[in-house]
Structures are given as C-alpha cells and as structure tokens.
Amino acid sequence: MALRRRHGGQRGALDFTALVDIALVLVVYFVLASQAAQSRDLPVSLPQAGTGVKPALGTLDLVIDAGGTMTLKGKPLELTDLAGVVKGQPKVTLLADKQAKHGRVIEVVDALRKLGVQEIYYATAAGVEEW
C-alpha cells in the first residue's frame, strides 16, 4: 500500500490578485473623492439648475460669496484689480452664491465683458431632473 501525501510538495503561493484589485479600487476612490472635495471647499452655496453645462477647460474661477465679496483662489479681489487678473483670459467661470445680490453679479459680469472676456460660465449645482 502506497502512502500519498495529503499536501503537495510545494507550499501554497499567496494569491495577490484580490489585493491588487482592492488597491486599485481604493486609488480610484481617493482620486475621485479629492476632485469632489476641491469643489466643496468653496465658501458659496451654488444655485441649482437642471440644464447646466460644464465649463470649458482652462477657465479662471471667480467666486462671489453671499456678502458680495469677490475672491480668486481664496484671496479677496476688488473690481479695480480685476483688469490685472483677467488679462489674456478669454474664459471665466463665475461661482456666485445663490444669496449674492443680483446687482453685484451684474457689476462683475459687466466688468469682465469690458475687459474682453469672451466666455462667462455660471457655475450651478446639479438640479433634480424630472423624468
């Protein structure tokens, strides 16, 4: 009678396929989460719109908070300083708080148009779509 080994002569190799799959899922998750977090860092509450479009790449993001203060990359900006900032920028995205006064938004839009900005995008939060 011959005896058989119950376990093979080789030690079992670890299967790293599942570990690699989990690592890739985590990398994708954190990349997407960091991009979403950048837009949530804004001190504004955007109005909702179901028909909004994404702004073109390479736009300058100009923020108007609820009090009417205009900021660029977190630094306060006055209308008089706008000329130096938008020089050579054909596209601007305006991120105006939904509580900002309409008159202030129009002042900024008018100043941008006078400075030669060709395309002005108005940032909105995704609205609920009826179907």
C-alpha atoms as a PDB file:
ATOM      1  CA  MET A   1       0.000   0.000   0.000  1.00  0.00           C
ATOM      2  CA  ALA A   2       1.409   3.330  -1.030  1.00  0.00           C
ATOM      3  CA  LEU A   3       1.103   6.402   1.117  1.00  0.00           C
ATOM      4  CA  ARG A   4       0.041   9.613  -0.509  1.00  0.00           C
ATOM      5  CA  ARG A   5       0.930  12.990   0.716  1.00  0.00           C
ATOM      6  CA  ARG A   6      -2.091  14.929   1.698  1.00  0.00           C
ATOM      7  CA  HIS A   7      -0.489  18.277   0.898  1.00  0.00           C
ATOM      8  CA  GLY A   8       1.507  18.851  -2.238  1.00  0.00           C
ATOM      9  CA  GLY A   9       5.236  19.054  -2.076  1.00  0.00           C
ATOM     10  CA  GLN A  10       5.068  22.801  -2.716  1.00  0.00           C
ATOM     11  CA  ARG A  11       3.965  25.365  -0.268  1.00  0.00           C
ATOM     12  CA  GLY A  12       0.850  27.277  -1.299  1.00  0.00           C
ATOM     13  CA  ALA A  13       1.659  30.548  -3.035  1.00  0.00           C
ATOM     14  CA  LEU A  14      -0.198  33.633  -1.948  1.00  0.00           C
ATOM     15  CA  ASP A  15      -2.701  34.969  -4.477  1.00  0.00           C
ATOM     16  CA  PHE A  16      -2.262  38.735  -4.710  1.00  0.00           C
ATOM     17  CA  THR A  17      -4.942  39.271  -7.354  1.00  0.00           C
ATOM     18  CA  ALA A  18      -7.640  40.238  -4.861  1.00  0.00           C
ATOM     19  CA  LEU A  19      -5.244  42.522  -3.002  1.00  0.00           C
ATOM     20  CA  VAL A  20      -4.288  44.336  -6.216  1.00  0.00           C
ATOM     21  CA  ASP A  21      -7.970  44.706  -7.157  1.00  0.00           C
ATOM     22  CA  ILE A  22      -8.785  46.268  -3.799  1.00  0.00           C
ATOM     23  CA  ALA A  23      -5.783  48.600  -4.002  1.00  0.00           C
ATOM     24  CA  LEU A  24      -6.835  49.829  -7.461  1.00  0.00           C
ATOM     25  CA  VAL A  25     -10.406  50.437  -6.307  1.00  0.00           C
ATOM     26  CA  LEU A  26      -9.110  52.468  -3.354  1.00  0.00           C
ATOM     27  CA  VAL A  27      -6.833  54.541  -5.586  1.00  0.00           C
ATOM     28  CA  VAL A  28      -9.711  55.352  -7.949  1.00  0.00           C
ATOM     29  CA  TYR A  29     -11.974  56.186  -4.997  1.00  0.00           C
ATOM     30  CA  PHE A  30      -9.487  58.596  -3.432  1.00  0.00           C
ATOM     31  CA  VAL A  31      -8.737  60.313  -6.741  1.00  0.00           C
ATOM     32  CA  LEU A  32     -12.433  60.924  -7.370  1.00  0.00           C
ATOM     33  CA  ALA A  33     -13.051  61.954  -3.763  1.00  0.00           C
ATOM     34  CA  SER A  34     -10.233  64.506  -3.852  1.00  0.00           C
ATOM     35  CA  GLN A  35     -11.629  66.073  -7.029  1.00  0.00           C
ATOM     36  CA  ALA A  36     -15.075  66.325  -5.470  1.00  0.00           C
ATOM     37  CA  ALA A  37     -13.603  67.804  -2.283  1.00  0.00           C
ATOM     38  CA  GLN A  38     -11.977  70.632  -4.236  1.00  0.00           C
ATOM     39  CA  SER A  39     -15.350  71.887  -5.415  1.00  0.00           C
ATOM     40  CA  ARG A  40     -16.817  71.583  -1.899  1.00  0.00           C
ATOM     41  CA  ASP A  41     -14.137  73.839  -0.424  1.00  0.00           C
ATOM     42  CA  LEU A  42     -15.808  76.895  -1.925  1.00  0.00           C
ATOM     43  CA  PRO A  43     -17.452  79.270   0.556  1.00  0.00           C
ATOM     44  CA  VAL A  44     -20.562  79.511  -1.630  1.00  0.00           C
ATOM     45  CA  SER A  45     -23.845  77.687  -1.978  1.00  0.00           C
ATOM     46  CA  LEU A  46     -24.468  77.449  -5.710  1.00  0.00           C
ATOM     47  CA  PRO A  47     -27.999  77.681  -7.107  1.00  0.00           C
ATOM     48  CA  GLN A  48     -29.468  74.519  -8.620  1.00  0.00           C
ATOM     49  CA  ALA A  49     -30.135  74.156 -12.318  1.00  0.00           C
ATOM     50  CA  GLY A  50     -31.149  71.098 -14.295  1.00  0.00           C
ATOM     51  CA  THR A  51     -29.789  72.483 -17.570  1.00  0.00           C
ATOM     52  CA  GLY A  52     -26.267  73.457 -16.520  1.00  0.00           C
ATOM     53  CA  VAL A  53     -23.275  72.703 -18.724  1.00  0.00           C
ATOM     54  CA  LYS A  54     -19.680  72.057 -17.735  1.00  0.00           C
ATOM     55  CA  PRO A  55     -17.302  74.979 -18.293  1.00  0.00           C
ATOM     56  CA  ALA A  56     -14.502  74.635 -20.798  1.00  0.00           C
ATOM     57  CA  LEU A  57     -11.051  73.655 -19.612  1.00  0.00           C
ATOM     58  CA  GLY A  58      -8.673  76.436 -18.690  1.00  0.00           C
ATOM     59  CA  THR A  59     -11.225  78.830 -17.242  1.00  0.00           C
ATOM     60  CA  LEU A  60     -10.468  81.241 -14.420  1.00  0.00           C
ATOM     61  CA  ASP A  61     -12.699  80.577 -11.358  1.00  0.00           C
ATOM     62  CA  LEU A  62     -14.023  83.791  -9.813  1.00  0.00           C
ATOM     63  CA  VAL A  63     -16.053  83.418  -6.589  1.00  0.00           C
ATOM     64  CA  ILE A  64     -18.711  85.817  -5.255  1.00  0.00           C
ATOM     65  CA  ASP A  65     -19.899  84.917  -1.751  1.00  0.00           C
ATOM     66  CA  ALA A  66     -23.266  85.733  -0.162  1.00  0.00           C
ATOM     67  CA  GLY A  67     -21.977  89.092   1.110  1.00  0.00           C
ATOM     68  CA  GLY A  68     -20.819  90.159  -2.359  1.00  0.00           C
ATOM     69  CA  THR A  69     -17.093  89.725  -1.709  1.00  0.00           C
ATOM     70  CA  MET A  70     -15.220  88.620  -4.810  1.00  0.00           C
ATOM     71  CA  THR A  71     -12.313  86.192  -4.353  1.00  0.00           C
ATOM     72  CA  LEU A  72      -9.819  84.476  -6.594  1.00  0.00           C
ATOM     73  CA  LYS A  73      -8.038  81.393  -5.231  1.00  0.00           C
ATOM     74  CA  GLY A  74      -9.128  82.359  -1.725  1.00  0.00           C
ATOM     75  CA  LYS A  75      -7.782  85.925  -1.861  1.00  0.00           C
ATOM     76  CA  PRO A  76     -10.138  88.949  -1.832  1.00  0.00           C
ATOM     77  CA  LEU A  77     -10.316  90.871  -5.085  1.00  0.00           C
ATOM     78  CA  GLU A  78     -11.775  94.265  -5.971  1.00  0.00           C
ATOM     79  CA  LEU A  79     -13.275  95.292  -9.317  1.00  0.00           C
ATOM     80  CA  THR A  80     -10.372  97.678  -9.850  1.00  0.00           C
ATOM     81  CA  ASP A  81      -7.889  94.789  -9.509  1.00  0.00           C
ATOM     82  CA  LEU A  82      -9.810  92.605 -11.954  1.00  0.00           C
ATOM     83  CA  ALA A  83      -8.032  94.006 -15.018  1.00  0.00           C
ATOM     84  CA  GLY A  84      -4.661  92.613 -13.987  1.00  0.00           C
ATOM     85  CA  VAL A  85      -6.097  89.203 -13.172  1.00  0.00           C
ATOM     86  CA  VAL A  86      -8.154  88.501 -16.282  1.00  0.00           C
ATOM     87  CA  LYS A  87      -5.629  89.924 -18.736  1.00  0.00           C
ATOM     88  CA  GLY A  88      -5.360  87.379 -21.532  1.00  0.00           C
ATOM     89  CA  GLN A  89      -8.069  85.126 -20.079  1.00  0.00           C
ATOM     90  CA  PRO A  90     -10.822  84.556 -22.663  1.00  0.00           C
ATOM     91  CA  LYS A  91     -12.910  82.310 -20.370  1.00  0.00           C
ATOM     92  CA  VAL A  92     -14.092  82.861 -16.782  1.00  0.00           C
ATOM     93  CA  THR A  93     -16.301  80.704 -14.569  1.00  0.00           C
ATOM     94  CA  LEU A  94     -18.374  82.765 -12.141  1.00  0.00           C
ATOM     95  CA  LEU A  95     -19.203  80.906  -8.920  1.00  0.00           C
ATOM     96  CA  ALA A  96     -21.785  83.176  -7.341  1.00  0.00           C
ATOM     97  CA  ASP A  97     -23.578  82.217  -4.136  1.00  0.00           C
ATOM     98  CA  LYS A  98     -27.336  81.853  -4.559  1.00  0.00           C
ATOM     99  CA  GLN A  99     -27.775  84.522  -1.842  1.00  0.00           C
ATOM    100  CA  ALA A 100     -25.480  87.031  -3.593  1.00  0.00           C
ATOM    101  CA  LYS A 101     -27.211  90.196  -4.745  1.00  0.00           C
ATOM    102  CA  HIS A 102     -28.041  90.218  -8.411  1.00  0.00           C
ATOM    103  CA  GLY A 103     -26.666  93.730  -8.785  1.00  0.00           C
ATOM    104  CA  ARG A 104     -23.222  92.652  -7.574  1.00  0.00           C
ATOM    105  CA  VAL A 105     -23.129  89.734 -10.012  1.00  0.00           C
ATOM    106  CA  ILE A 106     -24.087  92.043 -12.878  1.00  0.00           C
ATOM    107  CA  GLU A 107     -21.328  94.506 -11.872  1.00  0.00           C
ATOM    108  CA  VAL A 108     -18.750  91.712 -12.091  1.00  0.00           C
ATOM    109  CA  VAL A 109     -20.127  90.402 -15.405  1.00  0.00           C
ATOM    110  CA  ASP A 110     -20.123  93.901 -16.877  1.00  0.00           C
ATOM    111  CA  ALA A 111     -16.529  94.487 -15.750  1.00  0.00           C
ATOM    112  CA  LEU A 112     -15.454  91.141 -17.237  1.00  0.00           C
ATOM    113  CA  ARG A 113     -17.071  91.960 -20.586  1.00  0.00           C
ATOM    114  CA  LYS A 114     -15.411  95.391 -20.668  1.00  0.00           C
ATOM    115  CA  LEU A 115     -12.060  93.684 -20.072  1.00  0.00           C
ATOM    116  CA  GLY A 116     -12.557  91.460 -23.114  1.00  0.00           C
ATOM    117  CA  VAL A 117     -13.597  88.167 -21.553  1.00  0.00           C
ATOM    118  CA  GLN A 118     -15.323  86.320 -24.380  1.00  0.00           C
ATOM    119  CA  GLU A 119     -16.982  83.457 -22.477  1.00  0.00           C
ATOM    120  CA  ILE A 120     -18.508  83.670 -18.994  1.00  0.00           C
ATOM    121  CA  TYR A 121     -19.775  80.445 -17.426  1.00  0.00           C
ATOM    122  CA  TYR A 122     -22.137  80.460 -14.450  1.00  0.00           C
ATOM    123  CA  ALA A 123     -21.489  77.608 -12.032  1.00  0.00           C
ATOM    124  CA  THR A 124     -24.539  75.779 -10.691  1.00  0.00           C
ATOM    125  CA  ALA A 125     -25.195  72.747  -8.551  1.00  0.00           C
ATOM    126  CA  ALA A 126     -26.801  69.785 -10.272  1.00  0.00           C
ATOM    127  CA  GLY A 127     -30.554  70.056 -10.012  1.00  0.00           C
ATOM    128  CA  VAL A 128     -33.176  67.357  -9.842  1.00  0.00           C
ATOM    129  CA  GLU A 129     -34.210  66.180 -13.272  1.00  0.00           C
ATOM    130  CA  GLU A 130     -37.833  65.256 -13.869  1.00  0.00           C
ATOM    131  CA  TRP A 131     -38.485  62.181 -15.966  1.00  0.00           C
END
